C-alpha atoms as a PDB file:
ATOM      1  CA  MET A   1      73.486 -61.645 -58.862  1.00  0.00           C
ATOM      2  CA  THR A   2      74.400 -59.164 -61.562  1.00  0.00           C
ATOM      3  CA  GLU A   3      75.672 -55.686 -61.528  1.00  0.00           C
ATOM      4  CA  THR A   4      72.174 -54.267 -62.308  1.00  0.00           C
ATOM      5  CA  ASP A   5      70.787 -55.920 -59.172  1.00  0.00           C
ATOM      6  CA  LEU A   6      71.933 -52.959 -57.168  1.00  0.00           C
ATOM      7  CA  ARG A   7      69.607 -50.748 -59.181  1.00  0.00           C
ATOM      8  CA  VAL A   8      66.301 -49.774 -57.547  1.00  0.00           C
ATOM      9  CA  ASP A   9      64.676 -48.146 -60.491  1.00  0.00           C
ATOM     10  CA  GLY A  10      61.152 -47.123 -59.857  1.00  0.00           C
ATOM     11  CA  LYS A  11      60.876 -48.574 -56.341  1.00  0.00           C
ATOM     12  CA  VAL A  12      59.228 -46.459 -53.737  1.00  0.00           C
ATOM     13  CA  ALA A  13      61.482 -46.072 -50.627  1.00  0.00           C
ATOM     14  CA  LEU A  14      60.486 -44.486 -47.264  1.00  0.00           C
ATOM     15  CA  ILE A  15      63.431 -43.445 -45.169  1.00  0.00           C
ATOM     16  CA  ALA A  16      62.381 -42.888 -41.547  1.00  0.00           C
ATOM     17  CA  GLY A  17      65.075 -40.431 -39.991  1.00  0.00           C
ATOM     18  CA  ALA A  18      66.182 -39.000 -43.325  1.00  0.00           C
ATOM     19  CA  SER A  19      66.914 -35.470 -42.154  1.00  0.00           C
ATOM     20  CA  ARG A  20      70.627 -35.982 -41.725  1.00  0.00           C
ATOM     21  CA  GLY A  21      73.409 -38.401 -40.980  1.00  0.00           C
ATOM     22  CA  ILE A  22      72.752 -42.161 -42.122  1.00  0.00           C
ATOM     23  CA  GLY A  23      69.134 -41.526 -43.143  1.00  0.00           C
ATOM     24  CA  GLU A  24      70.208 -38.532 -45.493  1.00  0.00           C
ATOM     25  CA  ALA A  25      72.986 -40.406 -47.015  1.00  0.00           C
ATOM     26  CA  ALA A  26      70.849 -43.508 -47.702  1.00  0.00           C
ATOM     27  CA  ALA A  27      67.969 -41.415 -49.251  1.00  0.00           C
ATOM     28  CA  LYS A  28      70.508 -39.796 -51.534  1.00  0.00           C
ATOM     29  CA  ARG A  29      72.243 -43.079 -52.534  1.00  0.00           C
ATOM     30  CA  LEU A  30      68.942 -44.881 -53.203  1.00  0.00           C
ATOM     31  CA  ALA A  31      67.770 -41.888 -55.268  1.00  0.00           C
ATOM     32  CA  ARG A  32      70.969 -42.034 -57.349  1.00  0.00           C
ATOM     33  CA  ASN A  33      70.170 -45.576 -58.075  1.00  0.00           C
ATOM     34  CA  GLY A  34      66.605 -44.979 -59.346  1.00  0.00           C
ATOM     35  CA  ALA A  35      64.433 -45.055 -56.245  1.00  0.00           C
ATOM     36  CA  ILE A  36      61.479 -42.759 -55.641  1.00  0.00           C
ATOM     37  CA  VAL A  37      62.480 -41.420 -52.140  1.00  0.00           C
ATOM     38  CA  ILE A  38      60.238 -40.270 -49.418  1.00  0.00           C
ATOM     39  CA  ALA A  39      62.544 -38.532 -46.963  1.00  0.00           C
ATOM     40  CA  ALA A  40      60.847 -38.426 -43.625  1.00  0.00           C
ATOM     41  CA  SER A  41      61.542 -37.298 -39.967  1.00  0.00           C
ATOM     42  CA  ARG A  42      60.125 -34.975 -37.337  1.00  0.00           C
ATOM     43  CA  LYS A  43      61.967 -32.057 -38.876  1.00  0.00           C
ATOM     44  CA  ILE A  44      60.093 -31.496 -42.132  1.00  0.00           C
ATOM     45  CA  GLU A  45      62.373 -28.386 -43.007  1.00  0.00           C
ATOM     46  CA  ASP A  46      65.586 -30.638 -43.020  1.00  0.00           C
ATOM     47  CA  CYS A  47      63.717 -33.314 -45.093  1.00  0.00           C
ATOM     48  CA  GLU A  48      62.630 -30.689 -47.598  1.00  0.00           C
ATOM     49  CA  ARG A  49      66.289 -29.744 -47.934  1.00  0.00           C
ATOM     50  CA  VAL A  50      67.285 -33.497 -48.508  1.00  0.00           C
ATOM     51  CA  ALA A  51      64.531 -33.885 -51.097  1.00  0.00           C
ATOM     52  CA  SER A  52      65.325 -30.690 -52.811  1.00  0.00           C
ATOM     53  CA  GLU A  53      68.864 -31.728 -53.052  1.00  0.00           C
ATOM     54  CA  ILE A  54      68.050 -35.166 -54.550  1.00  0.00           C
ATOM     55  CA  ARG A  55      65.751 -33.432 -57.090  1.00  0.00           C
ATOM     56  CA  GLU A  56      68.318 -30.931 -58.117  1.00  0.00           C
ATOM     57  CA  ALA A  57      70.864 -33.858 -58.675  1.00  0.00           C
ATOM     58  CA  GLY A  58      68.171 -35.431 -61.143  1.00  0.00           C
ATOM     59  CA  GLY A  59      66.377 -37.895 -58.707  1.00  0.00           C
ATOM     60  CA  LYS A  60      62.886 -38.224 -57.516  1.00  0.00           C
ATOM     61  CA  ALA A  61      61.980 -37.236 -53.909  1.00  0.00           C
ATOM     62  CA  ARG A  62      59.686 -35.633 -51.550  1.00  0.00           C
ATOM     63  CA  ALA A  63      59.588 -34.835 -47.914  1.00  0.00           C
ATOM     64  CA  MET A  64      57.160 -35.984 -45.249  1.00  0.00           C
ATOM     65  CA  THR A  65      56.662 -35.355 -41.549  1.00  0.00           C
ATOM     66  CA  LEU A  66      57.107 -38.525 -39.509  1.00  0.00           C
ATOM     67  CA  HIS A  67      57.484 -38.762 -35.673  1.00  0.00           C
ATOM     68  CA  LEU A  68      58.240 -42.509 -35.140  1.00  0.00           C
ATOM     69  CA  GLY A  69      56.758 -42.261 -31.613  1.00  0.00           C
ATOM     70  CA  SER A  70      53.374 -41.071 -32.919  1.00  0.00           C
ATOM     71  CA  ALA A  71      50.836 -43.653 -34.216  1.00  0.00           C
ATOM     72  CA  GLN A  72      49.016 -40.823 -35.885  1.00  0.00           C
ATOM     73  CA  ASP A  73      52.126 -39.937 -37.890  1.00  0.00           C
ATOM     74  CA  ARG A  74      52.909 -43.389 -38.728  1.00  0.00           C
ATOM     75  CA  ASP A  75      49.308 -44.172 -40.049  1.00  0.00           C
ATOM     76  CA  ALA A  76      49.225 -40.839 -41.941  1.00  0.00           C
ATOM     77  CA  ALA A  77      52.587 -41.485 -43.641  1.00  0.00           C
ATOM     78  CA  LEU A  78      51.603 -44.913 -44.895  1.00  0.00           C
ATOM     79  CA  GLU A  79      48.145 -43.881 -46.085  1.00  0.00           C
ATOM     80  CA  ALA A  80      49.718 -40.814 -47.917  1.00  0.00           C
ATOM     81  CA  ILE A  81      52.170 -43.053 -49.656  1.00  0.00           C
ATOM     82  CA  ARG A  82      49.334 -45.518 -50.612  1.00  0.00           C
ATOM     83  CA  LYS A  83      47.458 -42.473 -51.974  1.00  0.00           C
ATOM     84  CA  GLU A  84      50.238 -40.803 -53.764  1.00  0.00           C
ATOM     85  CA  GLU A  85      52.569 -43.565 -54.924  1.00  0.00           C
ATOM     86  CA  GLY A  86      50.218 -46.624 -54.746  1.00  0.00           C
ATOM     87  CA  ARG A  87      52.894 -48.884 -53.286  1.00  0.00           C
ATOM     88  CA  LEU A  88      55.900 -49.132 -50.902  1.00  0.00           C
ATOM     89  CA  ASP A  89      58.853 -51.277 -51.947  1.00  0.00           C
ATOM     90  CA  ILE A  90      61.608 -50.348 -49.462  1.00  0.00           C
ATOM     91  CA  LEU A  91      61.281 -49.134 -45.767  1.00  0.00           C
ATOM     92  CA  VAL A  92      64.474 -47.968 -43.911  1.00  0.00           C
ATOM     93  CA  ASN A  93      63.945 -47.489 -40.225  1.00  0.00           C
ATOM     94  CA  ASN A  94      66.769 -45.265 -39.320  1.00  0.00           C
ATOM     95  CA  GLY A  95      65.217 -42.857 -36.808  1.00  0.00           C
ATOM     96  CA  ALA A  96      66.414 -43.343 -33.201  1.00  0.00           C
ATOM     97  CA  THR A  97      66.957 -41.402 -29.955  1.00  0.00           C
ATOM     98  CA  SER A  98      69.146 -41.852 -26.890  1.00  0.00           C
ATOM     99  CA  PRO A  99      67.967 -39.391 -24.219  1.00  0.00           C
ATOM    100  CA  TYR A 100      69.979 -40.893 -21.317  1.00  0.00           C
ATOM    101  CA  PHE A 101      73.711 -41.645 -20.803  1.00  0.00           C
ATOM    102  CA  GLY A 102      74.710 -42.857 -17.428  1.00  0.00           C
ATOM    103  CA  PRO A 103      74.586 -45.689 -14.904  1.00  0.00           C
ATOM    104  CA  VAL A 104      71.767 -48.084 -15.820  1.00  0.00           C
ATOM    105  CA  GLU A 105      70.410 -48.056 -12.217  1.00  0.00           C
ATOM    106  CA  ASP A 106      69.719 -44.313 -12.423  1.00  0.00           C
ATOM    107  CA  THR A 107      67.722 -44.558 -15.655  1.00  0.00           C
ATOM    108  CA  PRO A 108      64.778 -42.126 -15.429  1.00  0.00           C
ATOM    109  CA  GLU A 109      61.494 -43.905 -16.383  1.00  0.00           C
ATOM    110  CA  ASP A 110      60.637 -41.233 -18.904  1.00  0.00           C
ATOM    111  CA  ALA A 111      63.895 -41.665 -20.732  1.00  0.00           C
ATOM    112  CA  PHE A 112      63.242 -45.386 -20.646  1.00  0.00           C
ATOM    113  CA  ASP A 113      59.685 -44.864 -22.196  1.00  0.00           C
ATOM    114  CA  LYS A 114      60.984 -42.541 -24.907  1.00  0.00           C
ATOM    115  CA  THR A 115      63.924 -44.644 -25.950  1.00  0.00           C
ATOM    116  CA  PHE A 116      61.543 -47.577 -26.411  1.00  0.00           C
ATOM    117  CA  GLU A 117      58.821 -45.641 -28.081  1.00  0.00           C
ATOM    118  CA  VAL A 118      61.048 -44.209 -30.831  1.00  0.00           C
ATOM    119  CA  ASN A 119      63.736 -47.029 -31.185  1.00  0.00           C
ATOM    120  CA  VAL A 120      61.357 -50.110 -31.038  1.00  0.00           C
ATOM    121  CA  LYS A 121      57.717 -49.280 -30.899  1.00  0.00           C
ATOM    122  CA  GLY A 122      57.855 -46.867 -33.868  1.00  0.00           C
ATOM    123  CA  PRO A 123      59.839 -49.145 -36.184  1.00  0.00           C
ATOM    124  CA  PHE A 124      57.785 -52.095 -35.349  1.00  0.00           C
ATOM    125  CA  PHE A 125      54.364 -50.556 -36.202  1.00  0.00           C
ATOM    126  CA  LEU A 126      55.883 -48.813 -39.222  1.00  0.00           C
ATOM    127  CA  SER A 127      57.054 -52.147 -40.397  1.00  0.00           C
ATOM    128  CA  THR A 128      53.946 -54.067 -39.793  1.00  0.00           C
ATOM    129  CA  GLY A 129      52.110 -51.371 -41.738  1.00  0.00           C
ATOM    130  CA  ALA A 130      54.554 -51.537 -44.537  1.00  0.00           C
ATOM    131  CA  ILE A 131      54.302 -55.297 -44.554  1.00  0.00           C
ATOM    132  CA  HIS A 132      50.573 -55.019 -45.277  1.00  0.00           C
ATOM    133  CA  MET A 133      51.267 -52.826 -48.309  1.00  0.00           C
ATOM    134  CA  MET A 134      54.113 -54.844 -49.484  1.00  0.00           C
ATOM    135  CA  LYS A 135      51.954 -58.037 -49.495  1.00  0.00           C
ATOM    136  CA  GLU A 136      49.492 -56.302 -51.817  1.00  0.00           C
ATOM    137  CA  THR A 137      52.312 -55.539 -54.422  1.00  0.00           C
ATOM    138  CA  GLY A 138      54.279 -58.751 -54.329  1.00  0.00           C
ATOM    139  CA  GLY A 139      57.123 -58.098 -51.895  1.00  0.00           C
ATOM    140  CA  GLY A 140      59.757 -55.625 -50.631  1.00  0.00           C
ATOM    141  CA  SER A 141      62.593 -54.950 -48.357  1.00  0.00           C
ATOM    142  CA  ILE A 142      62.748 -53.600 -44.808  1.00  0.00           C
ATOM    143  CA  VAL A 143      66.114 -52.384 -43.432  1.00  0.00           C
ATOM    144  CA  ASN A 144      66.129 -51.797 -39.688  1.00  0.00           C
ATOM    145  CA  VAL A 145      69.086 -49.643 -38.531  1.00  0.00           C
ATOM    146  CA  ALA A 146      70.118 -51.336 -35.262  1.00  0.00           C
ATOM    147  CA  SER A 147      73.686 -50.892 -33.628  1.00  0.00           C
ATOM    148  CA  VAL A 148      76.651 -52.880 -32.533  1.00  0.00           C
ATOM    149  CA  ASN A 149      75.347 -51.977 -29.138  1.00  0.00           C
ATOM    150  CA  GLY A 150      72.560 -54.306 -29.621  1.00  0.00           C
ATOM    151  CA  LEU A 151      75.155 -57.116 -29.897  1.00  0.00           C
ATOM    152  CA  ARG A 152      77.526 -55.862 -27.163  1.00  0.00           C
ATOM    153  CA  PRO A 153      76.066 -53.172 -24.718  1.00  0.00           C
ATOM    154  CA  GLY A 154      77.728 -49.888 -24.782  1.00  0.00           C
ATOM    155  CA  PHE A 155      79.030 -48.539 -21.366  1.00  0.00           C
ATOM    156  CA  PHE A 156      76.568 -46.181 -19.832  1.00  0.00           C
ATOM    157  CA  GLN A 157      74.316 -46.690 -22.799  1.00  0.00           C
ATOM    158  CA  GLY A 158      72.079 -49.368 -21.261  1.00  0.00           C
ATOM    159  CA  VAL A 159      68.570 -48.725 -22.314  1.00  0.00           C
ATOM    160  CA  TYR A 160      69.808 -47.569 -25.905  1.00  0.00           C
ATOM    161  CA  SER A 161      71.666 -50.936 -26.110  1.00  0.00           C
ATOM    162  CA  ILE A 162      68.570 -52.836 -24.992  1.00  0.00           C
ATOM    163  CA  THR A 163      66.462 -51.209 -27.670  1.00  0.00           C
ATOM    164  CA  LYS A 164      68.914 -51.907 -30.346  1.00  0.00           C
ATOM    165  CA  ALA A 165      68.959 -55.567 -29.198  1.00  0.00           C
ATOM    166  CA  SER A 166      65.225 -55.543 -29.524  1.00  0.00           C
ATOM    167  CA  VAL A 167      65.520 -54.218 -32.973  1.00  0.00           C
ATOM    168  CA  ILE A 168      67.688 -57.079 -33.989  1.00  0.00           C
ATOM    169  CA  SER A 169      65.243 -59.542 -32.547  1.00  0.00           C
ATOM    170  CA  MET A 170      62.238 -57.790 -34.181  1.00  0.00           C
ATOM    171  CA  THR A 171      64.095 -58.004 -37.501  1.00  0.00           C
ATOM    172  CA  GLN A 172      64.266 -61.831 -37.080  1.00  0.00           C
ATOM    173  CA  VAL A 173      60.714 -62.133 -36.143  1.00  0.00           C
ATOM    174  CA  LEU A 174      59.356 -60.036 -39.031  1.00  0.00           C
ATOM    175  CA  ALA A 175      61.678 -61.860 -41.406  1.00  0.00           C
ATOM    176  CA  GLN A 176      60.406 -65.227 -40.383  1.00  0.00           C
ATOM    177  CA  GLU A 177      56.731 -64.231 -40.761  1.00  0.00           C
ATOM    178  CA  ALA A 178      57.053 -62.220 -43.834  1.00  0.00           C
ATOM    179  CA  GLY A 179      59.249 -64.244 -45.977  1.00  0.00           C
ATOM    180  CA  GLY A 180      56.515 -66.270 -47.526  1.00  0.00           C
ATOM    181  CA  HIS A 181      55.225 -62.982 -49.042  1.00  0.00           C
ATOM    182  CA  LYS A 182      58.528 -62.181 -50.731  1.00  0.00           C
ATOM    183  CA  ILE A 183      59.354 -59.547 -48.130  1.00  0.00           C
ATOM    184  CA  ARG A 184      62.781 -59.454 -46.696  1.00  0.00           C
ATOM    185  CA  VAL A 185      63.819 -57.810 -43.375  1.00  0.00           C
ATOM    186  CA  ASN A 186      67.410 -57.196 -42.408  1.00  0.00           C
ATOM    187  CA  ALA A 187      69.251 -55.187 -39.855  1.00  0.00           C
ATOM    188  CA  LEU A 188      72.339 -53.049 -40.229  1.00  0.00           C
ATOM    189  CA  CYS A 189      74.579 -52.812 -37.086  1.00  0.00           C
ATOM    190  CA  PRO A 190      76.763 -49.735 -37.494  1.00  0.00           C
ATOM    191  CA  GLY A 191      79.724 -49.125 -35.264  1.00  0.00           C
ATOM    192  CA  LEU A 192      80.689 -45.671 -34.174  1.00  0.00           C
ATOM    193  CA  THR A 193      79.636 -43.297 -37.074  1.00  0.00           C
ATOM    194  CA  GLU A 194      79.846 -39.663 -37.564  1.00  0.00           C
ATOM    195  CA  THR A 195      76.317 -38.562 -36.719  1.00  0.00           C
ATOM    196  CA  LYS A 196      74.644 -36.122 -34.212  1.00  0.00           C
ATOM    197  CA  LEU A 197      73.669 -39.117 -32.159  1.00  0.00           C
ATOM    198  CA  ALA A 198      77.209 -40.190 -31.721  1.00  0.00           C
ATOM    199  CA  SER A 199      78.743 -36.648 -31.475  1.00  0.00           C
ATOM    200  CA  ALA A 200      79.601 -37.074 -27.707  1.00  0.00           C
ATOM    201  CA  LEU A 201      81.935 -39.830 -28.715  1.00  0.00           C
ATOM    202  CA  THR A 202      83.232 -38.632 -32.027  1.00  0.00           C
ATOM    203  CA  SER A 203      84.170 -35.330 -30.506  1.00  0.00           C
ATOM    204  CA  ASN A 204      85.903 -36.992 -27.479  1.00  0.00           C
ATOM    205  CA  PRO A 205      89.617 -35.725 -27.276  1.00  0.00           C
ATOM    206  CA  GLY A 206      90.681 -39.392 -26.574  1.00  0.00           C
ATOM    207  CA  LEU A 207      89.106 -40.791 -29.765  1.00  0.00           C
ATOM    208  CA  ASP A 208      92.279 -41.153 -31.601  1.00  0.00           C
ATOM    209  CA  ASP A 209      93.759 -43.323 -28.772  1.00  0.00           C
ATOM    210  CA  MET A 210      90.532 -45.435 -28.572  1.00  0.00           C
ATOM    211  CA  MET A 211      90.588 -45.956 -32.242  1.00  0.00           C
ATOM    212  CA  LYS A 212      94.200 -47.357 -32.184  1.00  0.00           C
ATOM    213  CA  ARG A 213      93.194 -49.763 -29.420  1.00  0.00           C
ATOM    214  CA  ASN A 214      89.765 -50.953 -30.728  1.00  0.00           C
ATOM    215  CA  PHE A 215      89.322 -50.129 -34.480  1.00  0.00           C
ATOM    216  CA  SER A 216      90.999 -52.487 -37.107  1.00  0.00           C
ATOM    217  CA  LEU A 217      90.480 -49.676 -39.719  1.00  0.00           C
ATOM    218  CA  GLN A 218      91.267 -46.892 -37.231  1.00  0.00           C
ATOM    219  CA  ARG A 219      88.781 -44.379 -38.365  1.00  0.00           C
ATOM    220  CA  VAL A 220      85.218 -43.448 -37.484  1.00  0.00           C
ATOM    221  CA  GLY A 221      82.462 -44.580 -40.005  1.00  0.00           C
ATOM    222  CA  GLN A 222      80.858 -42.082 -42.173  1.00  0.00           C
ATOM    223  CA  PRO A 223      77.118 -42.073 -43.132  1.00  0.00           C
ATOM    224  CA  GLU A 224      78.049 -43.000 -46.613  1.00  0.00           C
ATOM    225  CA  ASP A 225      79.655 -46.296 -45.303  1.00  0.00           C
ATOM    226  CA  MET A 226      76.229 -47.168 -43.742  1.00  0.00           C
ATOM    227  CA  ALA A 227      74.199 -45.962 -46.770  1.00  0.00           C
ATOM    228  CA  ALA A 228      76.157 -48.361 -49.028  1.00  0.00           C
ATOM    229  CA  ALA A 229      75.196 -51.232 -46.755  1.00  0.00           C
ATOM    230  CA  ILE A 230      71.506 -50.065 -46.638  1.00  0.00           C
ATOM    231  CA  HIS A 231      71.521 -49.960 -50.535  1.00  0.00           C
ATOM    232  CA  PHE A 232      72.737 -53.533 -50.751  1.00  0.00           C
ATOM    233  CA  LEU A 233      70.126 -54.791 -48.270  1.00  0.00           C
ATOM    234  CA  ALA A 234      67.331 -52.749 -49.969  1.00  0.00           C
ATOM    235  CA  SER A 235      68.238 -54.087 -53.497  1.00  0.00           C
ATOM    236  CA  ASP A 236      67.985 -57.397 -55.266  1.00  0.00           C
ATOM    237  CA  ALA A 237      71.648 -57.824 -54.785  1.00  0.00           C
ATOM    238  CA  SER A 238      70.692 -59.351 -51.431  1.00  0.00           C
ATOM    239  CA  SER A 239      67.705 -61.236 -52.782  1.00  0.00           C
ATOM    240  CA  TYR A 240      68.592 -64.400 -50.791  1.00  0.00           C
ATOM    241  CA  MET A 241      69.231 -62.582 -47.427  1.00  0.00           C
ATOM    242  CA  THR A 242      66.701 -62.162 -44.658  1.00  0.00           C
ATOM    243  CA  GLY A 243      66.671 -62.099 -40.861  1.00  0.00           C
ATOM    244  CA  GLN A 244      70.436 -61.216 -40.872  1.00  0.00           C
ATOM    245  CA  CYS A 245      72.297 -58.523 -39.035  1.00  0.00           C
ATOM    246  CA  LEU A 246      75.058 -56.907 -41.132  1.00  0.00           C
ATOM    247  CA  VAL A 247      77.797 -55.492 -38.874  1.00  0.00           C
ATOM    248  CA  ILE A 248      79.616 -52.469 -40.412  1.00  0.00           C
ATOM    249  CA  ASP A 249      81.999 -51.275 -37.690  1.00  0.00           C
ATOM    250  CA  GLY A 250      85.536 -50.894 -38.867  1.00  0.00           C
ATOM    251  CA  GLY A 251      86.413 -54.027 -36.919  1.00  0.00           C
ATOM    252  CA  ILE A 252      85.425 -52.984 -33.445  1.00  0.00           C
ATOM    253  CA  MET A 253      83.541 -56.342 -32.834  1.00  0.00           C
ATOM    254  CA  GLY A 254      86.612 -58.375 -33.703  1.00  0.00           C
ATOM    255  CA  ARG A 255      88.964 -56.452 -31.217  1.00  0.00           C
ATOM    256  CA  GLY A 256      87.109 -56.859 -27.898  1.00  0.00           C
ATOM    257  CA  PRO A 257      85.350 -54.378 -25.849  1.00  0.00           C
ATOM    258  CA  LEU A 258      85.975 -50.678 -25.986  1.00  0.00           C
END
């Protein structure tokens, strides 16, 4: 590995869930390192902002509408990339939802369905579509944003935790089958990170005390911390790494349950 292996010059990168948080930070970091970024999410206006800021900084980017729960959106996104860019080298599956917080036995069925549709079904079929494209052009890298909750369930986050465990398993399955085509598939498992999805926890008045008890680094993760890991997994710097789950959590997993 050399320093230049972190460059992703000319590689086409689709970032699902790029409108804010980890996805936005990853889109901007990959663009700074030479990627042609497609910022995608349900909120096209926010993705247009992200793409515009990338272009203003000298990078290459465009925005795209993509609802992970919609087969039509997924197919249209991949077809548009095939038509406009002619290839797909990097896929970052970052979009997620968590519509229910409470006792697992009270989980509404519609919340269960929505969580699996967005967190598992969407990334799975976006990945399989991407694999077909990557096989045509000699390989690529898929990064699935899972969670430490997929390794150790979060309290009152039952279905969300189950979906993130599924994402980790999906990563291993895809890595095993796609490796022969020079396609690497890895998962990132963030700990508590300053995002809209985690805002109920990061805005909790007892957060400082919780960090002292459970976080070795005693701070909440920032989207840029996760973007750095995504950059590594997407680049040739991790060229001999596939089927792995990279935990970036400030030391939570080493300190016991929250």
